[in-house]
């Protein structure tokens, strides 16, 4: 899993749009589903849902490759893109980066909030967390 990927986190947005733009997220969803594709094929899929310029898709996929989320190689005249990281590993990496940042800078506040959040919203998960903590400290 590439550890050098850095993304801006926007907590008010939904899902992966928190760390990727809306178009980047759509493109990654297509590539995680298809495993590999060209700009032409991705553009065709996106165009079925809305009007979008081919060059916009091409630029966005190129930027995702520069960020290290996609791999690309040339086959004939076209670049073929494939995910450099699985969706599950990407989500794990993002969660770790966000939590590392919060815990490094605001450890007490972040931990207390997580405990309060679980107590209000998911008591069973809080209980599971208690067991994990006990197993690691005994």
C-alpha atoms as a PDB file:
ATOM      1  CA  UNK A   1       0.000   0.000   0.000  1.00  0.00           C
ATOM      2  CA  UNK A   2       1.594   3.294  -1.035  1.00  0.00           C
ATOM      3  CA  UNK A   3       2.182   5.368   2.075  1.00  0.00           C
ATOM      4  CA  UNK A   4       3.190   8.595   0.357  1.00  0.00           C
ATOM      5  CA  UNK A   5      -0.308   9.463  -0.847  1.00  0.00           C
ATOM      6  CA  UNK A   6      -1.538  12.685   0.718  1.00  0.00           C
ATOM      7  CA  UNK A   7      -5.055  13.982   0.349  1.00  0.00           C
ATOM      8  CA  UNK A   8      -7.075  16.899   1.605  1.00  0.00           C
ATOM      9  CA  UNK A   9      -9.818  15.788   4.002  1.00  0.00           C
ATOM     10  CA  UNK A  10     -13.217  17.500   3.755  1.00  0.00           C
ATOM     11  CA  UNK A  11     -15.332  16.070   6.591  1.00  0.00           C
ATOM     12  CA  UNK A  12     -18.606  17.674   5.455  1.00  0.00           C
ATOM     13  CA  UNK A  13     -18.645  15.697   2.200  1.00  0.00           C
ATOM     14  CA  UNK A  14     -19.962  12.151   1.760  1.00  0.00           C
ATOM     15  CA  UNK A  15     -17.966   8.958   1.288  1.00  0.00           C
ATOM     16  CA  UNK A  16     -14.743   9.045  -0.682  1.00  0.00           C
ATOM     17  CA  UNK A  17     -15.555  12.572  -1.846  1.00  0.00           C
ATOM     18  CA  UNK A  18     -14.165  13.517   1.589  1.00  0.00           C
ATOM     19  CA  UNK A  19     -10.680  12.870   0.158  1.00  0.00           C
ATOM     20  CA  UNK A  20     -11.141  12.706  -3.606  1.00  0.00           C
ATOM     21  CA  UNK A  21     -13.102  15.126  -5.729  1.00  0.00           C
ATOM     22  CA  UNK A  22     -16.517  14.015  -7.004  1.00  0.00           C
ATOM     23  CA  UNK A  23     -15.195  13.168 -10.483  1.00  0.00           C
ATOM     24  CA  UNK A  24     -12.104  11.447  -9.064  1.00  0.00           C
ATOM     25  CA  UNK A  25     -14.392   9.338  -6.879  1.00  0.00           C
ATOM     26  CA  UNK A  26     -16.590   8.358  -9.840  1.00  0.00           C
ATOM     27  CA  UNK A  27     -13.556   7.420 -11.913  1.00  0.00           C
ATOM     28  CA  UNK A  28     -12.050   5.368  -9.098  1.00  0.00           C
ATOM     29  CA  UNK A  29     -15.363   3.555  -8.558  1.00  0.00           C
ATOM     30  CA  UNK A  30     -15.381   2.614 -12.262  1.00  0.00           C
ATOM     31  CA  UNK A  31     -11.769   1.416 -12.168  1.00  0.00           C
ATOM     32  CA  UNK A  32     -12.199  -0.509  -8.910  1.00  0.00           C
ATOM     33  CA  UNK A  33     -15.149  -2.220 -10.556  1.00  0.00           C
ATOM     34  CA  UNK A  34     -13.561  -2.837 -13.980  1.00  0.00           C
ATOM     35  CA  UNK A  35      -9.972  -3.367 -12.738  1.00  0.00           C
ATOM     36  CA  UNK A  36      -8.482  -1.578 -15.769  1.00  0.00           C
ATOM     37  CA  UNK A  37      -9.672   0.784 -18.451  1.00  0.00           C
ATOM     38  CA  UNK A  38      -8.824   3.522 -20.925  1.00  0.00           C
ATOM     39  CA  UNK A  39      -9.886   7.161 -20.807  1.00  0.00           C
ATOM     40  CA  UNK A  40     -12.185   6.466 -23.753  1.00  0.00           C
ATOM     41  CA  UNK A  41     -14.071   3.708 -21.922  1.00  0.00           C
ATOM     42  CA  UNK A  42     -14.339   5.692 -18.690  1.00  0.00           C
ATOM     43  CA  UNK A  43     -15.515   8.746 -20.627  1.00  0.00           C
ATOM     44  CA  UNK A  44     -18.153   6.631 -22.376  1.00  0.00           C
ATOM     45  CA  UNK A  45     -19.481   5.364 -19.014  1.00  0.00           C
ATOM     46  CA  UNK A  46     -19.563   8.843 -17.483  1.00  0.00           C
ATOM     47  CA  UNK A  47     -21.138  10.353 -20.617  1.00  0.00           C
ATOM     48  CA  UNK A  48     -24.072   7.968 -20.286  1.00  0.00           C
ATOM     49  CA  UNK A  49     -24.969   9.757 -17.031  1.00  0.00           C
ATOM     50  CA  UNK A  50     -24.147  13.379 -17.912  1.00  0.00           C
ATOM     51  CA  UNK A  51     -22.340  15.634 -20.331  1.00  0.00           C
ATOM     52  CA  UNK A  52     -18.612  15.658 -19.652  1.00  0.00           C
ATOM     53  CA  UNK A  53     -15.629  16.542 -21.836  1.00  0.00           C
ATOM     54  CA  UNK A  54     -13.207  13.801 -22.821  1.00  0.00           C
ATOM     55  CA  UNK A  55     -10.300  16.081 -21.874  1.00  0.00           C
ATOM     56  CA  UNK A  56     -11.731  16.534 -18.360  1.00  0.00           C
ATOM     57  CA  UNK A  57     -11.763  12.767 -17.838  1.00  0.00           C
ATOM     58  CA  UNK A  58      -8.262  12.453 -19.344  1.00  0.00           C
ATOM     59  CA  UNK A  59      -6.844  15.195 -17.098  1.00  0.00           C
ATOM     60  CA  UNK A  60      -8.495  13.765 -13.989  1.00  0.00           C
ATOM     61  CA  UNK A  61      -7.218  10.245 -14.670  1.00  0.00           C
ATOM     62  CA  UNK A  62      -3.743  11.622 -15.329  1.00  0.00           C
ATOM     63  CA  UNK A  63      -3.830  13.459 -11.983  1.00  0.00           C
ATOM     64  CA  UNK A  64      -4.981  10.306 -10.198  1.00  0.00           C
ATOM     65  CA  UNK A  65      -1.942   8.557 -11.706  1.00  0.00           C
ATOM     66  CA  UNK A  66       0.317  11.397 -10.510  1.00  0.00           C
ATOM     67  CA  UNK A  67      -1.172  11.042  -7.002  1.00  0.00           C
ATOM     68  CA  UNK A  68      -0.303   7.342  -7.086  1.00  0.00           C
ATOM     69  CA  UNK A  69      -3.892   6.066  -6.951  1.00  0.00           C
ATOM     70  CA  UNK A  70      -3.825   4.804 -10.540  1.00  0.00           C
ATOM     71  CA  UNK A  71      -1.110   3.064 -12.508  1.00  0.00           C
ATOM     72  CA  UNK A  72      -0.905   3.678 -16.224  1.00  0.00           C
ATOM     73  CA  UNK A  73       0.972   2.185 -19.102  1.00  0.00           C
ATOM     74  CA  UNK A  74       0.776   2.668 -22.823  1.00  0.00           C
ATOM     75  CA  UNK A  75      -0.814   0.036 -25.026  1.00  0.00           C
ATOM     76  CA  UNK A  76      -0.587   1.156 -28.625  1.00  0.00           C
ATOM     77  CA  UNK A  77      -1.837   4.737 -28.825  1.00  0.00           C
ATOM     78  CA  UNK A  78      -3.788   4.711 -25.562  1.00  0.00           C
ATOM     79  CA  UNK A  79      -2.897   4.661 -21.899  1.00  0.00           C
ATOM     80  CA  UNK A  80      -4.435   1.846 -19.892  1.00  0.00           C
ATOM     81  CA  UNK A  81      -5.184   2.725 -16.283  1.00  0.00           C
ATOM     82  CA  UNK A  82      -5.542   0.363 -13.344  1.00  0.00           C
ATOM     83  CA  UNK A  83      -5.972   0.982  -9.632  1.00  0.00           C
ATOM     84  CA  UNK A  84      -2.647   1.134  -7.805  1.00  0.00           C
ATOM     85  CA  UNK A  85      -4.460   0.305  -4.581  1.00  0.00           C
ATOM     86  CA  UNK A  86      -7.664  -1.577  -3.797  1.00  0.00           C
ATOM     87  CA  UNK A  87     -10.660   0.372  -2.572  1.00  0.00           C
ATOM     88  CA  UNK A  88     -10.420  -1.338   0.818  1.00  0.00           C
ATOM     89  CA  UNK A  89      -6.718  -0.495   1.177  1.00  0.00           C
ATOM     90  CA  UNK A  90      -7.374   3.079   0.036  1.00  0.00           C
ATOM     91  CA  UNK A  91     -10.086   3.552   2.666  1.00  0.00           C
ATOM     92  CA  UNK A  92      -7.825   2.025   5.326  1.00  0.00           C
ATOM     93  CA  UNK A  93      -4.973   4.352   4.341  1.00  0.00           C
ATOM     94  CA  UNK A  94      -7.211   7.430   4.452  1.00  0.00           C
ATOM     95  CA  UNK A  95      -8.696   6.503   7.838  1.00  0.00           C
ATOM     96  CA  UNK A  96      -5.214   5.964   9.238  1.00  0.00           C
ATOM     97  CA  UNK A  97      -3.971   9.298   7.886  1.00  0.00           C
ATOM     98  CA  UNK A  98      -6.946  11.173   9.328  1.00  0.00           C
ATOM     99  CA  UNK A  99      -6.750   9.464  12.711  1.00  0.00           C
ATOM    100  CA  UNK A 100      -2.957   9.808  12.875  1.00  0.00           C
ATOM    101  CA  UNK A 101      -3.319  13.536  12.278  1.00  0.00           C
ATOM    102  CA  UNK A 102      -6.029  13.923  14.908  1.00  0.00           C
ATOM    103  CA  UNK A 103      -4.325  11.726  17.481  1.00  0.00           C
ATOM    104  CA  UNK A 104      -0.913  13.344  16.950  1.00  0.00           C
ATOM    105  CA  UNK A 105      -2.288  16.856  17.468  1.00  0.00           C
ATOM    106  CA  UNK A 106      -5.398  16.406  19.624  1.00  0.00           C
ATOM    107  CA  UNK A 107      -5.107  13.008  21.276  1.00  0.00           C
ATOM    108  CA  UNK A 108      -7.194  13.630  24.416  1.00  0.00           C
ATOM    109  CA  UNK A 109      -9.998  15.428  22.582  1.00  0.00           C
ATOM    110  CA  UNK A 110     -10.106  12.898  19.736  1.00  0.00           C
ATOM    111  CA  UNK A 111     -10.199   9.858  22.029  1.00  0.00           C
ATOM    112  CA  UNK A 112     -12.818  11.355  24.350  1.00  0.00           C
ATOM    113  CA  UNK A 113     -14.985  12.305  21.388  1.00  0.00           C
ATOM    114  CA  UNK A 114     -14.715   8.806  19.852  1.00  0.00           C
ATOM    115  CA  UNK A 115     -15.757   7.242  23.147  1.00  0.00           C
ATOM    116  CA  UNK A 116     -18.681   9.672  23.545  1.00  0.00           C
ATOM    117  CA  UNK A 117     -19.696   9.127  19.924  1.00  0.00           C
ATOM    118  CA  UNK A 118     -19.727   5.341  20.339  1.00  0.00           C
ATOM    119  CA  UNK A 119     -21.615   5.570  23.642  1.00  0.00           C
ATOM    120  CA  UNK A 120     -24.355   7.612  21.911  1.00  0.00           C
ATOM    121  CA  UNK A 121     -24.446   5.918  18.514  1.00  0.00           C
ATOM    122  CA  UNK A 122     -23.053   2.401  18.812  1.00  0.00           C
ATOM    123  CA  UNK A 123     -22.805   1.040  22.374  1.00  0.00           C
ATOM    124  CA  UNK A 124     -22.061  -2.471  21.082  1.00  0.00           C
ATOM    125  CA  UNK A 125     -18.978  -1.144  19.250  1.00  0.00           C
ATOM    126  CA  UNK A 126     -17.886   0.685  22.413  1.00  0.00           C
ATOM    127  CA  UNK A 127     -18.150  -2.576  24.319  1.00  0.00           C
ATOM    128  CA  UNK A 128     -16.094  -4.340  21.624  1.00  0.00           C
ATOM    129  CA  UNK A 129     -13.506  -1.568  21.915  1.00  0.00           C
ATOM    130  CA  UNK A 130     -13.354  -2.104  25.684  1.00  0.00           C
ATOM    131  CA  UNK A 131     -12.556  -5.787  25.102  1.00  0.00           C
ATOM    132  CA  UNK A 132      -9.863  -4.892  22.547  1.00  0.00           C
ATOM    133  CA  UNK A 133      -8.276  -2.445  25.003  1.00  0.00           C
ATOM    134  CA  UNK A 134      -8.382  -4.983  27.835  1.00  0.00           C
ATOM    135  CA  UNK A 135      -6.808  -7.678  25.667  1.00  0.00           C
ATOM    136  CA  UNK A 136      -3.963  -5.350  24.685  1.00  0.00           C
ATOM    137  CA  UNK A 137      -3.239  -4.036  28.175  1.00  0.00           C
ATOM    138  CA  UNK A 138      -3.323  -7.318  30.098  1.00  0.00           C
END
